[in-house]
């Protein structure tokens, strides 16, 4: 708006401004207030849904003695709640039970579902690491190594490289295994896996 020399001109300018743009401002204000109400409503609903998902999750975890019932509850949770983090944790629980029962195919499906859902770097990387272990147990060493290479979360670098070294040893590729173990050591893996340095030392002596 231009600067006017007298109050009358300012008043006239304001009148003209409201004449030209008043309706738009009012509509905008109404829409804005409506949007604010809508956002608050959306936030309240989202909080309620998160709380409901949390309660459902805790209920499943607390009553996990019956594997069939747990699996049914996990499936129902996925249908009722759009919570990737909780769903991924439940799928991890399901996969662990499947591994313990010797059902590696079922565990592989659970881990793949987690990775596809992309619940976050940490959960996805954990699922990828465990999927690789399952594939190795199935005898698919090459596939397991390729799966490990998909891990990009730095927090899992040491575990990834140590397990890659284990798989390369099983394949008989000692040079690459040595490099993998060294990478794991460089990433601090010896602090959490005391056997790592021993694995590297044994290869260095060979």
N, C-alpha and C. Protein backbone atom coordinates (compact mmCIF):
# COMPACT_ATOMS: atom_id res chain seq x y z
N UNK A 1 0.85 -1.18 0.00
CA UNK A 1 0.00 0.00 0.00
C UNK A 1 0.89 1.23 0.00
N UNK A 2 0.54 2.25 -0.79
CA UNK A 2 1.33 3.46 -0.89
C UNK A 2 1.27 4.24 0.42
N UNK A 3 2.25 5.13 0.64
CA UNK A 3 2.27 6.00 1.81
C UNK A 3 1.59 7.31 1.43
N UNK A 4 0.60 7.73 2.23
CA UNK A 4 -0.17 8.93 1.91
C UNK A 4 0.18 10.04 2.88
N UNK A 5 0.02 11.28 2.40
CA UNK A 5 0.44 12.44 3.19
C UNK A 5 -0.59 12.88 4.20
N UNK A 6 -1.81 12.55 4.05
CA UNK A 6 -2.84 12.97 4.99
C UNK A 6 -3.64 11.78 5.47
N UNK A 7 -4.29 11.98 6.67
CA UNK A 7 -5.09 10.90 7.23
C UNK A 7 -6.27 10.57 6.34
N UNK A 8 -6.85 11.58 5.69
CA UNK A 8 -8.00 11.34 4.82
C UNK A 8 -7.61 10.44 3.65
N UNK A 9 -6.47 10.69 3.13
CA UNK A 9 -6.01 9.85 2.04
C UNK A 9 -5.78 8.41 2.52
N UNK A 10 -5.25 8.30 3.74
CA UNK A 10 -5.04 6.97 4.32
C UNK A 10 -6.36 6.24 4.52
N UNK A 11 -7.36 6.99 5.05
CA UNK A 11 -8.68 6.40 5.26
C UNK A 11 -9.28 5.96 3.93
N UNK A 12 -9.18 6.82 2.94
CA UNK A 12 -9.72 6.49 1.62
C UNK A 12 -9.00 5.26 1.04
N UNK A 13 -7.71 5.21 1.26
CA UNK A 13 -6.93 4.08 0.74
C UNK A 13 -7.36 2.78 1.41
N UNK A 14 -7.59 2.85 2.74
CA UNK A 14 -8.03 1.65 3.47
C UNK A 14 -9.40 1.20 2.99
N UNK A 15 -10.31 2.18 2.79
CA UNK A 15 -11.64 1.85 2.29
C UNK A 15 -11.54 1.16 0.93
N UNK A 16 -10.71 1.73 0.06
CA UNK A 16 -10.56 1.16 -1.27
C UNK A 16 -9.94 -0.23 -1.21
N UNK A 17 -8.97 -0.39 -0.27
CA UNK A 17 -8.31 -1.69 -0.11
C UNK A 17 -9.32 -2.77 0.29
N UNK A 18 -10.19 -2.41 1.27
CA UNK A 18 -11.20 -3.38 1.70
C UNK A 18 -12.25 -3.62 0.64
N UNK A 19 -12.54 -2.56 -0.14
CA UNK A 19 -13.49 -2.73 -1.23
C UNK A 19 -12.95 -3.71 -2.26
N UNK A 20 -11.64 -3.59 -2.54
CA UNK A 20 -11.03 -4.45 -3.55
C UNK A 20 -10.72 -5.86 -3.03
N UNK A 21 -10.27 -5.95 -1.76
CA UNK A 21 -9.75 -7.22 -1.26
C UNK A 21 -10.44 -7.75 -0.01
N UNK A 22 -11.41 -7.00 0.52
CA UNK A 22 -12.05 -7.41 1.77
C UNK A 22 -12.66 -8.79 1.73
N UNK A 23 -13.39 -9.06 0.67
CA UNK A 23 -14.05 -10.37 0.55
C UNK A 23 -13.04 -11.51 0.57
N UNK A 24 -11.94 -11.29 -0.16
CA UNK A 24 -10.91 -12.33 -0.22
C UNK A 24 -10.28 -12.56 1.14
N UNK A 25 -10.06 -11.47 1.90
CA UNK A 25 -9.45 -11.61 3.22
C UNK A 25 -10.37 -12.38 4.16
N UNK A 26 -11.67 -12.03 4.13
CA UNK A 26 -12.63 -12.72 4.99
C UNK A 26 -12.70 -14.20 4.66
N UNK A 27 -12.77 -14.48 3.36
CA UNK A 27 -12.81 -15.89 2.94
C UNK A 27 -11.55 -16.61 3.38
N UNK A 28 -10.42 -15.91 3.21
CA UNK A 28 -9.16 -16.52 3.61
C UNK A 28 -9.10 -16.79 5.10
N UNK A 29 -9.62 -15.83 5.89
CA UNK A 29 -9.63 -16.00 7.35
C UNK A 29 -10.50 -17.18 7.74
N UNK A 30 -11.66 -17.27 7.12
CA UNK A 30 -12.57 -18.37 7.42
C UNK A 30 -11.92 -19.71 7.07
N UNK A 31 -11.32 -19.75 5.89
CA UNK A 31 -10.65 -20.99 5.47
C UNK A 31 -9.51 -21.32 6.41
N UNK A 32 -8.77 -20.25 6.81
CA UNK A 32 -7.64 -20.47 7.71
C UNK A 32 -8.08 -21.00 9.05
N UNK A 33 -9.13 -20.42 9.61
CA UNK A 33 -9.65 -20.90 10.89
C UNK A 33 -10.20 -22.31 10.76
N UNK A 34 -10.86 -22.56 9.63
CA UNK A 34 -11.36 -23.91 9.38
C UNK A 34 -10.22 -24.90 9.28
N UNK A 35 -9.14 -24.45 8.63
CA UNK A 35 -7.98 -25.32 8.51
C UNK A 35 -7.35 -25.60 9.86
N UNK A 36 -7.32 -24.56 10.73
CA UNK A 36 -6.77 -24.74 12.07
C UNK A 36 -7.60 -25.75 12.85
N UNK A 37 -8.90 -25.61 12.77
CA UNK A 37 -9.79 -26.56 13.44
C UNK A 37 -9.58 -27.96 12.89
N UNK A 38 -9.47 -28.02 11.56
CA UNK A 38 -9.27 -29.32 10.92
C UNK A 38 -7.96 -29.95 11.36
N UNK A 39 -6.91 -29.13 11.49
CA UNK A 39 -5.60 -29.66 11.90
C UNK A 39 -5.66 -30.16 13.35
N UNK A 40 -6.32 -29.38 14.22
CA UNK A 40 -6.45 -29.81 15.61
C UNK A 40 -7.23 -31.12 15.71
N UNK A 41 -8.29 -31.20 14.92
CA UNK A 41 -9.10 -32.43 14.91
C UNK A 41 -8.26 -33.60 14.42
N UNK A 42 -7.49 -33.36 13.35
CA UNK A 42 -6.63 -34.40 12.79
C UNK A 42 -5.60 -34.85 13.82
N UNK A 43 -5.01 -33.88 14.55
CA UNK A 43 -4.00 -34.22 15.55
C UNK A 43 -4.61 -35.05 16.67
N UNK A 44 -5.81 -34.67 17.13
CA UNK A 44 -6.47 -35.41 18.19
C UNK A 44 -6.76 -36.85 17.76
N UNK A 45 -7.26 -36.99 16.54
CA UNK A 45 -7.57 -38.33 16.02
C UNK A 45 -6.29 -39.16 15.91
N UNK A 46 -5.23 -38.51 15.44
CA UNK A 46 -3.96 -39.23 15.28
C UNK A 46 -3.43 -39.71 16.62
N UNK A 47 -3.54 -38.87 17.64
CA UNK A 47 -3.09 -39.25 18.98
C UNK A 47 -3.91 -40.42 19.50
N UNK A 48 -5.22 -40.35 19.31
CA UNK A 48 -6.09 -41.44 19.76
C UNK A 48 -5.73 -42.75 19.07
N UNK A 49 -5.47 -42.67 17.77
CA UNK A 49 -5.10 -43.88 17.03
C UNK A 49 -3.77 -44.44 17.52
N UNK A 50 -2.81 -43.54 17.80
CA UNK A 50 -1.51 -43.99 18.29
C UNK A 50 -1.63 -44.67 19.65
N UNK A 51 -2.47 -44.09 20.51
CA UNK A 51 -2.67 -44.68 21.83
C UNK A 51 -3.34 -46.04 21.73
N UNK A 52 -4.31 -46.15 20.83
CA UNK A 52 -5.00 -47.43 20.63
C UNK A 52 -4.03 -48.48 20.09
N UNK A 53 -3.17 -48.06 19.16
CA UNK A 53 -2.19 -48.99 18.60
C UNK A 53 -1.20 -49.43 19.66
N UNK A 54 -0.80 -48.49 20.52
CA UNK A 54 0.15 -48.82 21.59
C UNK A 54 -0.46 -49.84 22.55
N UNK A 55 -1.72 -49.65 22.91
CA UNK A 55 -2.39 -50.59 23.81
C UNK A 55 -2.53 -51.97 23.18
N UNK A 56 -2.87 -51.98 21.89
CA UNK A 56 -3.01 -53.26 21.19
C UNK A 56 -1.66 -53.97 21.10
N UNK A 57 -0.62 -53.20 20.83
CA UNK A 57 0.74 -53.76 20.74
C UNK A 57 1.15 -54.37 22.08
N UNK A 58 0.95 -53.62 23.16
CA UNK A 58 1.32 -54.11 24.48
C UNK A 58 0.54 -55.38 24.83
N UNK A 59 -0.73 -55.42 24.41
CA UNK A 59 -1.54 -56.59 24.69
C UNK A 59 -1.01 -57.83 23.99
N UNK A 60 -0.57 -57.67 22.76
CA UNK A 60 -0.03 -58.81 22.01
C UNK A 60 1.28 -59.29 22.63
N UNK A 61 2.12 -58.34 22.98
CA UNK A 61 3.43 -58.69 23.57
C UNK A 61 3.26 -59.39 24.92
N UNK A 62 2.29 -58.92 25.69
CA UNK A 62 2.07 -59.49 27.03
C UNK A 62 1.44 -60.87 26.98
N UNK A 63 0.77 -61.20 25.91
CA UNK A 63 0.10 -62.51 25.78
C UNK A 63 0.63 -63.25 24.55
N UNK A 64 1.88 -63.68 24.66
CA UNK A 64 2.53 -64.29 23.50
C UNK A 64 2.82 -65.77 23.66
N UNK A 65 2.09 -66.42 24.58
CA UNK A 65 2.36 -67.84 24.83
C UNK A 65 1.79 -68.74 23.74
N UNK A 66 0.69 -68.33 23.14
CA UNK A 66 0.05 -69.12 22.09
C UNK A 66 0.45 -68.55 20.73
N UNK A 67 1.34 -69.22 20.02
CA UNK A 67 1.89 -68.70 18.77
C UNK A 67 0.82 -68.48 17.71
N UNK A 68 -0.15 -69.38 17.64
CA UNK A 68 -1.22 -69.24 16.65
C UNK A 68 -2.06 -68.00 16.95
N UNK A 69 -2.37 -67.80 18.23
CA UNK A 69 -3.17 -66.64 18.63
C UNK A 69 -2.40 -65.35 18.40
N UNK A 70 -1.10 -65.39 18.65
CA UNK A 70 -0.26 -64.21 18.44
C UNK A 70 -0.23 -63.84 16.97
N UNK A 71 -0.07 -64.84 16.11
CA UNK A 71 -0.04 -64.57 14.68
C UNK A 71 -1.35 -63.97 14.21
N UNK A 72 -2.47 -64.49 14.72
CA UNK A 72 -3.78 -63.95 14.35
C UNK A 72 -3.91 -62.51 14.84
N UNK A 73 -3.38 -62.24 16.04
CA UNK A 73 -3.45 -60.89 16.59
C UNK A 73 -2.58 -59.92 15.78
N UNK A 74 -1.45 -60.39 15.32
CA UNK A 74 -0.56 -59.54 14.50
C UNK A 74 -1.24 -59.19 13.18
N UNK A 75 -1.88 -60.17 12.59
CA UNK A 75 -2.60 -59.92 11.34
C UNK A 75 -3.73 -58.93 11.56
N UNK A 76 -4.45 -59.09 12.66
CA UNK A 76 -5.55 -58.18 12.98
C UNK A 76 -5.03 -56.78 13.25
N UNK A 77 -3.88 -56.70 13.92
CA UNK A 77 -3.27 -55.39 14.21
C UNK A 77 -2.97 -54.65 12.91
N UNK A 78 -2.40 -55.36 11.94
CA UNK A 78 -2.08 -54.74 10.67
C UNK A 78 -3.30 -54.24 9.93
N UNK A 79 -4.42 -54.93 10.12
CA UNK A 79 -5.66 -54.52 9.45
C UNK A 79 -6.31 -53.31 10.13
N UNK A 80 -6.11 -53.17 11.43
CA UNK A 80 -6.79 -52.13 12.18
C UNK A 80 -5.95 -50.88 12.43
N UNK A 81 -4.63 -51.02 12.41
CA UNK A 81 -3.76 -49.90 12.78
C UNK A 81 -2.72 -49.64 11.70
N UNK A 82 -2.59 -48.38 11.33
CA UNK A 82 -1.58 -47.98 10.35
C UNK A 82 -0.37 -47.43 11.11
N UNK A 83 0.35 -48.34 11.73
CA UNK A 83 1.50 -47.98 12.55
C UNK A 83 2.69 -48.85 12.14
N UNK A 84 3.53 -48.34 11.24
CA UNK A 84 4.61 -49.13 10.68
C UNK A 84 5.60 -49.61 11.74
N UNK A 85 5.91 -48.74 12.70
CA UNK A 85 6.88 -49.13 13.72
C UNK A 85 6.41 -50.30 14.56
N UNK A 86 5.18 -50.19 15.10
CA UNK A 86 4.63 -51.29 15.89
C UNK A 86 4.48 -52.55 15.05
N UNK A 87 4.02 -52.38 13.83
CA UNK A 87 3.81 -53.54 12.96
C UNK A 87 5.13 -54.25 12.69
N UNK A 88 6.19 -53.46 12.48
CA UNK A 88 7.50 -54.05 12.23
C UNK A 88 7.99 -54.83 13.45
N UNK A 89 7.79 -54.28 14.62
CA UNK A 89 8.21 -54.96 15.86
C UNK A 89 7.45 -56.27 16.04
N UNK A 90 6.17 -56.25 15.71
CA UNK A 90 5.37 -57.47 15.82
C UNK A 90 5.81 -58.51 14.78
N UNK A 91 6.15 -58.04 13.59
CA UNK A 91 6.64 -58.96 12.56
C UNK A 91 7.99 -59.57 12.97
N UNK A 92 8.81 -58.77 13.64
CA UNK A 92 10.08 -59.29 14.14
C UNK A 92 9.82 -60.39 15.18
N UNK A 93 8.84 -60.17 16.04
CA UNK A 93 8.47 -61.16 17.03
C UNK A 93 7.97 -62.43 16.36
N UNK A 94 7.16 -62.26 15.32
CA UNK A 94 6.63 -63.40 14.58
C UNK A 94 7.76 -64.17 13.89
N UNK A 95 8.70 -63.43 13.31
CA UNK A 95 9.81 -64.06 12.61
C UNK A 95 10.70 -64.84 13.58
N UNK A 96 10.93 -64.27 14.76
CA UNK A 96 11.74 -64.96 15.77
C UNK A 96 11.09 -66.28 16.16
N UNK A 97 9.78 -66.25 16.36
CA UNK A 97 9.05 -67.48 16.72
C UNK A 97 9.15 -68.50 15.60
N UNK A 98 9.08 -68.02 14.36
CA UNK A 98 9.17 -68.93 13.21
C UNK A 98 10.55 -69.58 13.13
N UNK A 99 11.59 -68.80 13.39
CA UNK A 99 12.96 -69.33 13.36
C UNK A 99 13.11 -70.39 14.45
N UNK A 100 12.62 -70.08 15.64
CA UNK A 100 12.73 -71.03 16.75
C UNK A 100 11.97 -72.32 16.46
N UNK A 101 10.90 -72.20 15.66
CA UNK A 101 10.12 -73.38 15.29
C UNK A 101 10.69 -74.08 14.06
N UNK A 102 11.74 -73.52 13.49
CA UNK A 102 12.36 -74.12 12.32
C UNK A 102 11.67 -73.80 11.00
N UNK A 103 10.74 -72.86 11.03
CA UNK A 103 10.01 -72.48 9.81
C UNK A 103 10.70 -71.27 9.18
N UNK A 104 11.79 -71.52 8.48
CA UNK A 104 12.59 -70.44 7.92
C UNK A 104 11.87 -69.70 6.79
N UNK A 105 11.04 -70.41 6.05
CA UNK A 105 10.29 -69.76 4.96
C UNK A 105 9.34 -68.70 5.53
N UNK A 106 8.69 -69.03 6.61
CA UNK A 106 7.77 -68.09 7.26
C UNK A 106 8.54 -66.89 7.80
N UNK A 107 9.70 -67.15 8.39
CA UNK A 107 10.53 -66.05 8.90
C UNK A 107 10.99 -65.14 7.77
N UNK A 108 11.35 -65.75 6.65
CA UNK A 108 11.80 -64.96 5.50
C UNK A 108 10.69 -64.03 5.01
N UNK A 109 9.47 -64.53 4.99
CA UNK A 109 8.33 -63.71 4.56
C UNK A 109 8.13 -62.54 5.52
N UNK A 110 8.25 -62.79 6.81
CA UNK A 110 8.05 -61.74 7.81
C UNK A 110 9.11 -60.65 7.67
N UNK A 111 10.36 -61.06 7.51
CA UNK A 111 11.43 -60.07 7.37
C UNK A 111 11.27 -59.25 6.08
N UNK A 112 10.86 -59.92 5.03
CA UNK A 112 10.66 -59.22 3.75
C UNK A 112 9.53 -58.20 3.86
N UNK A 113 8.48 -58.54 4.59
CA UNK A 113 7.37 -57.60 4.80
C UNK A 113 7.84 -56.35 5.54
N UNK A 114 8.69 -56.54 6.53
CA UNK A 114 9.20 -55.40 7.29
C UNK A 114 10.00 -54.48 6.38
N UNK A 115 10.89 -55.06 5.61
CA UNK A 115 11.75 -54.27 4.73
C UNK A 115 10.92 -53.51 3.70
N UNK A 116 9.92 -54.17 3.14
CA UNK A 116 9.06 -53.54 2.13
C UNK A 116 8.25 -52.39 2.71
N UNK A 117 7.86 -52.51 3.99
CA UNK A 117 7.06 -51.47 4.63
C UNK A 117 7.87 -50.24 4.95
N UNK A 118 9.21 -50.38 4.99
CA UNK A 118 10.11 -49.26 5.26
C UNK A 118 9.72 -48.51 6.54
N UNK A 119 9.80 -49.19 7.69
CA UNK A 119 9.37 -48.56 8.94
C UNK A 119 10.40 -47.61 9.54
N UNK A 120 11.55 -47.47 8.89
CA UNK A 120 12.63 -46.64 9.43
C UNK A 120 13.94 -47.37 9.25
N UNK A 121 15.04 -46.61 9.18
CA UNK A 121 16.33 -47.19 8.84
C UNK A 121 16.75 -48.29 9.82
N UNK A 122 16.57 -48.07 11.11
CA UNK A 122 17.05 -49.04 12.10
C UNK A 122 16.29 -50.35 12.02
N UNK A 123 14.96 -50.27 12.00
CA UNK A 123 14.16 -51.50 11.94
C UNK A 123 14.36 -52.23 10.62
N UNK A 124 14.45 -51.47 9.54
CA UNK A 124 14.66 -52.08 8.23
C UNK A 124 16.02 -52.77 8.16
N UNK A 125 17.04 -52.13 8.72
CA UNK A 125 18.38 -52.72 8.72
C UNK A 125 18.44 -53.97 9.58
N UNK A 126 17.78 -53.92 10.73
CA UNK A 126 17.74 -55.10 11.59
C UNK A 126 17.05 -56.26 10.89
N UNK A 127 15.94 -55.97 10.22
CA UNK A 127 15.22 -57.01 9.49
C UNK A 127 16.07 -57.55 8.34
N UNK A 128 16.81 -56.68 7.69
CA UNK A 128 17.67 -57.10 6.57
C UNK A 128 18.78 -58.01 7.06
N UNK A 129 19.38 -57.65 8.19
CA UNK A 129 20.44 -58.48 8.77
C UNK A 129 19.91 -59.87 9.13
N UNK A 130 18.74 -59.90 9.73
CA UNK A 130 18.17 -61.19 10.14
C UNK A 130 17.69 -62.00 8.93
N UNK A 131 17.21 -61.30 7.92
CA UNK A 131 16.83 -61.99 6.68
C UNK A 131 18.05 -62.67 6.08
N UNK A 132 19.18 -61.98 6.11
CA UNK A 132 20.42 -62.56 5.58
C UNK A 132 20.80 -63.83 6.35
N UNK A 133 20.61 -63.80 7.66
CA UNK A 133 20.93 -64.99 8.47
C UNK A 133 20.03 -66.17 8.10
N UNK A 134 18.77 -65.86 7.87
CA UNK A 134 17.83 -66.91 7.47
C UNK A 134 18.23 -67.49 6.11
N UNK A 135 18.57 -66.62 5.17
CA UNK A 135 18.98 -67.08 3.85
C UNK A 135 20.23 -67.94 3.92
N UNK A 136 21.15 -67.57 4.81
CA UNK A 136 22.36 -68.37 4.98
C UNK A 136 22.02 -69.74 5.54
N UNK A 137 21.09 -69.77 6.50
CA UNK A 137 20.66 -71.06 7.07
C UNK A 137 20.00 -71.93 6.02
N UNK A 138 19.39 -71.29 5.03
CA UNK A 138 18.76 -72.04 3.94
C UNK A 138 19.80 -72.49 2.90
N UNK A 139 21.05 -72.10 3.10
CA UNK A 139 22.12 -72.49 2.19
C UNK A 139 22.34 -71.53 1.03
N UNK A 140 21.64 -70.41 1.04
CA UNK A 140 21.76 -69.43 -0.04
C UNK A 140 22.79 -68.35 0.33
N UNK A 141 24.07 -68.73 0.33
CA UNK A 141 25.11 -67.83 0.81
C UNK A 141 25.26 -66.59 -0.07
N UNK A 142 25.22 -66.78 -1.37
CA UNK A 142 25.35 -65.64 -2.28
C UNK A 142 24.21 -64.64 -2.10
N UNK A 143 23.01 -65.17 -1.95
CA UNK A 143 21.85 -64.30 -1.73
C UNK A 143 21.97 -63.57 -0.40
N UNK A 144 22.46 -64.29 0.60
CA UNK A 144 22.62 -63.70 1.93
C UNK A 144 23.61 -62.54 1.90
N UNK A 145 24.70 -62.70 1.16
CA UNK A 145 25.70 -61.63 1.05
C UNK A 145 25.11 -60.44 0.32
N UNK A 146 24.36 -60.70 -0.74
CA UNK A 146 23.72 -59.62 -1.49
C UNK A 146 22.72 -58.87 -0.61
N UNK A 147 22.04 -59.60 0.25
CA UNK A 147 21.09 -58.97 1.17
C UNK A 147 21.82 -58.07 2.15
N UNK A 148 22.96 -58.53 2.67
CA UNK A 148 23.75 -57.72 3.59
C UNK A 148 24.18 -56.40 2.96
N UNK A 149 24.47 -56.43 1.69
CA UNK A 149 24.92 -55.22 1.00
C UNK A 149 23.84 -54.14 0.92
N UNK A 150 22.60 -54.51 1.24
CA UNK A 150 21.51 -53.54 1.22
C UNK A 150 21.43 -52.72 2.51
N UNK A 151 22.20 -53.12 3.51
CA UNK A 151 22.19 -52.40 4.79
C UNK A 151 23.02 -51.12 4.66
N UNK A 152 22.38 -49.99 4.93
CA UNK A 152 23.07 -48.70 4.80
C UNK A 152 23.15 -47.94 6.12
N UNK A 153 22.43 -48.39 7.13
CA UNK A 153 22.45 -47.73 8.43
C UNK A 153 23.81 -48.00 9.09
N UNK A 154 24.57 -46.94 9.36
CA UNK A 154 25.92 -47.09 9.89
C UNK A 154 25.95 -47.83 11.22
N UNK A 155 24.87 -47.77 11.98
CA UNK A 155 24.83 -48.45 13.26
C UNK A 155 24.96 -49.96 13.12
N UNK A 156 24.69 -50.48 11.92
CA UNK A 156 24.74 -51.92 11.68
C UNK A 156 25.96 -52.33 10.85
N UNK A 157 26.86 -51.40 10.59
CA UNK A 157 28.01 -51.71 9.72
C UNK A 157 28.87 -52.83 10.28
N UNK A 158 29.15 -52.79 11.59
CA UNK A 158 30.02 -53.80 12.18
C UNK A 158 29.38 -55.19 12.11
N UNK A 159 28.10 -55.27 12.47
CA UNK A 159 27.41 -56.55 12.41
C UNK A 159 27.33 -57.07 10.98
N UNK A 160 27.05 -56.15 10.05
CA UNK A 160 26.97 -56.53 8.65
C UNK A 160 28.29 -57.10 8.16
N UNK A 161 29.38 -56.39 8.45
CA UNK A 161 30.68 -56.81 7.93
C UNK A 161 31.18 -58.09 8.59
N UNK A 162 30.91 -58.25 9.89
CA UNK A 162 31.34 -59.48 10.56
C UNK A 162 30.60 -60.69 9.98
N UNK A 163 29.29 -60.55 9.80
CA UNK A 163 28.54 -61.68 9.26
C UNK A 163 28.93 -61.95 7.81
N UNK A 164 29.22 -60.87 7.08
CA UNK A 164 29.68 -61.07 5.70
C UNK A 164 30.99 -61.87 5.71
N UNK A 165 31.87 -61.54 6.67
CA UNK A 165 33.11 -62.30 6.79
C UNK A 165 32.84 -63.77 7.07
N UNK A 166 31.87 -64.04 7.95
CA UNK A 166 31.50 -65.44 8.25
C UNK A 166 31.05 -66.18 7.00
N UNK A 167 30.23 -65.50 6.20
CA UNK A 167 29.71 -66.13 4.98
C UNK A 167 30.82 -66.35 3.96
N UNK A 168 31.73 -65.40 3.86
CA UNK A 168 32.84 -65.53 2.91
C UNK A 168 33.78 -66.66 3.32
N UNK A 169 33.96 -66.85 4.61
CA UNK A 169 34.75 -67.99 5.09
C UNK A 169 34.08 -69.29 4.67
N UNK A 170 32.77 -69.35 4.81
CA UNK A 170 32.03 -70.55 4.41
C UNK A 170 32.15 -70.79 2.90
N UNK A 171 32.29 -69.70 2.15
CA UNK A 171 32.47 -69.83 0.70
C UNK A 171 33.92 -70.13 0.32
N UNK A 172 34.81 -70.01 1.29
CA UNK A 172 36.22 -70.28 1.03
C UNK A 172 37.00 -69.10 0.49
N UNK A 173 36.42 -67.91 0.51
CA UNK A 173 37.09 -66.71 0.01
C UNK A 173 37.73 -66.00 1.20
N UNK A 174 38.92 -66.44 1.58
CA UNK A 174 39.56 -65.95 2.80
C UNK A 174 40.03 -64.50 2.68
N UNK A 175 40.47 -64.09 1.51
CA UNK A 175 40.95 -62.71 1.34
C UNK A 175 39.81 -61.71 1.57
N UNK A 176 38.67 -61.97 0.95
CA UNK A 176 37.52 -61.07 1.13
C UNK A 176 36.98 -61.16 2.56
N UNK A 177 37.06 -62.35 3.14
CA UNK A 177 36.61 -62.52 4.52
C UNK A 177 37.48 -61.69 5.44
N UNK A 178 38.79 -61.72 5.21
CA UNK A 178 39.72 -60.93 6.02
C UNK A 178 39.39 -59.44 5.92
N UNK A 179 39.10 -58.99 4.72
CA UNK A 179 38.76 -57.58 4.53
C UNK A 179 37.45 -57.22 5.25
N UNK A 180 36.50 -58.13 5.20
CA UNK A 180 35.22 -57.89 5.86
C UNK A 180 35.40 -57.82 7.37
N UNK A 181 36.18 -58.75 7.92
CA UNK A 181 36.43 -58.74 9.37
C UNK A 181 37.16 -57.46 9.78
N UNK A 182 38.12 -57.05 8.97
CA UNK A 182 38.86 -55.83 9.29
C UNK A 182 37.94 -54.61 9.27
N UNK A 183 37.04 -54.59 8.30
CA UNK A 183 36.07 -53.49 8.24
C UNK A 183 35.19 -53.48 9.48
N UNK A 184 34.82 -54.66 9.94
CA UNK A 184 33.99 -54.76 11.15
C UNK A 184 34.76 -54.24 12.36
N UNK A 185 36.05 -54.61 12.45
CA UNK A 185 36.89 -54.12 13.56
C UNK A 185 37.01 -52.60 13.49
N UNK A 186 37.23 -52.08 12.29
CA UNK A 186 37.38 -50.63 12.11
C UNK A 186 36.11 -49.88 12.51
N UNK A 187 34.97 -50.56 12.40
CA UNK A 187 33.69 -49.95 12.76
C UNK A 187 33.31 -50.20 14.23
N UNK A 188 34.28 -50.68 15.01
CA UNK A 188 34.04 -50.88 16.43
C UNK A 188 33.40 -52.19 16.79
N UNK A 189 33.39 -53.13 15.89
CA UNK A 189 32.71 -54.40 16.12
C UNK A 189 33.31 -55.23 17.25
N UNK A 190 34.62 -55.07 17.50
CA UNK A 190 35.27 -55.87 18.55
C UNK A 190 34.75 -55.51 19.94
N UNK A 191 34.16 -54.34 20.08
CA UNK A 191 33.63 -53.92 21.37
C UNK A 191 32.37 -54.69 21.75
N UNK A 192 31.62 -55.09 20.75
CA UNK A 192 30.36 -55.80 21.00
C UNK A 192 30.45 -57.29 20.65
N UNK A 193 31.48 -57.67 19.91
CA UNK A 193 31.64 -59.08 19.53
C UNK A 193 33.08 -59.51 19.82
N UNK A 194 33.34 -60.03 21.01
CA UNK A 194 34.70 -60.42 21.39
C UNK A 194 35.34 -61.43 20.43
N UNK A 195 34.52 -62.24 19.77
CA UNK A 195 35.06 -63.27 18.87
C UNK A 195 35.57 -62.68 17.56
N UNK A 196 35.19 -61.44 17.26
CA UNK A 196 35.55 -60.85 15.97
C UNK A 196 37.06 -60.77 15.79
N UNK A 197 37.76 -60.25 16.78
CA UNK A 197 39.21 -60.12 16.65
C UNK A 197 39.87 -61.48 16.49
N UNK A 198 39.34 -62.48 17.18
CA UNK A 198 39.87 -63.84 17.06
C UNK A 198 39.69 -64.37 15.65
N UNK A 199 38.53 -64.09 15.03
CA UNK A 199 38.30 -64.53 13.66
C UNK A 199 39.32 -63.90 12.72
N UNK A 200 39.55 -62.60 12.91
CA UNK A 200 40.51 -61.90 12.06
C UNK A 200 41.93 -62.42 12.28
N UNK A 201 42.29 -62.63 13.54
CA UNK A 201 43.64 -63.12 13.84
C UNK A 201 43.87 -64.49 13.23
N UNK A 202 42.85 -65.36 13.28
CA UNK A 202 43.00 -66.70 12.71
C UNK A 202 43.23 -66.64 11.22
N UNK A 203 42.56 -65.73 10.53
CA UNK A 203 42.77 -65.59 9.09
C UNK A 203 44.14 -64.99 8.78
N UNK A 204 44.58 -64.09 9.62
CA UNK A 204 45.90 -63.47 9.40
C UNK A 204 47.02 -64.48 9.59
N UNK A 205 46.78 -65.49 10.44
CA UNK A 205 47.80 -66.53 10.68
C UNK A 205 47.80 -67.57 9.57
N UNK A 206 46.70 -67.66 8.85
CA UNK A 206 46.57 -68.71 7.84
C UNK A 206 47.48 -68.43 6.65
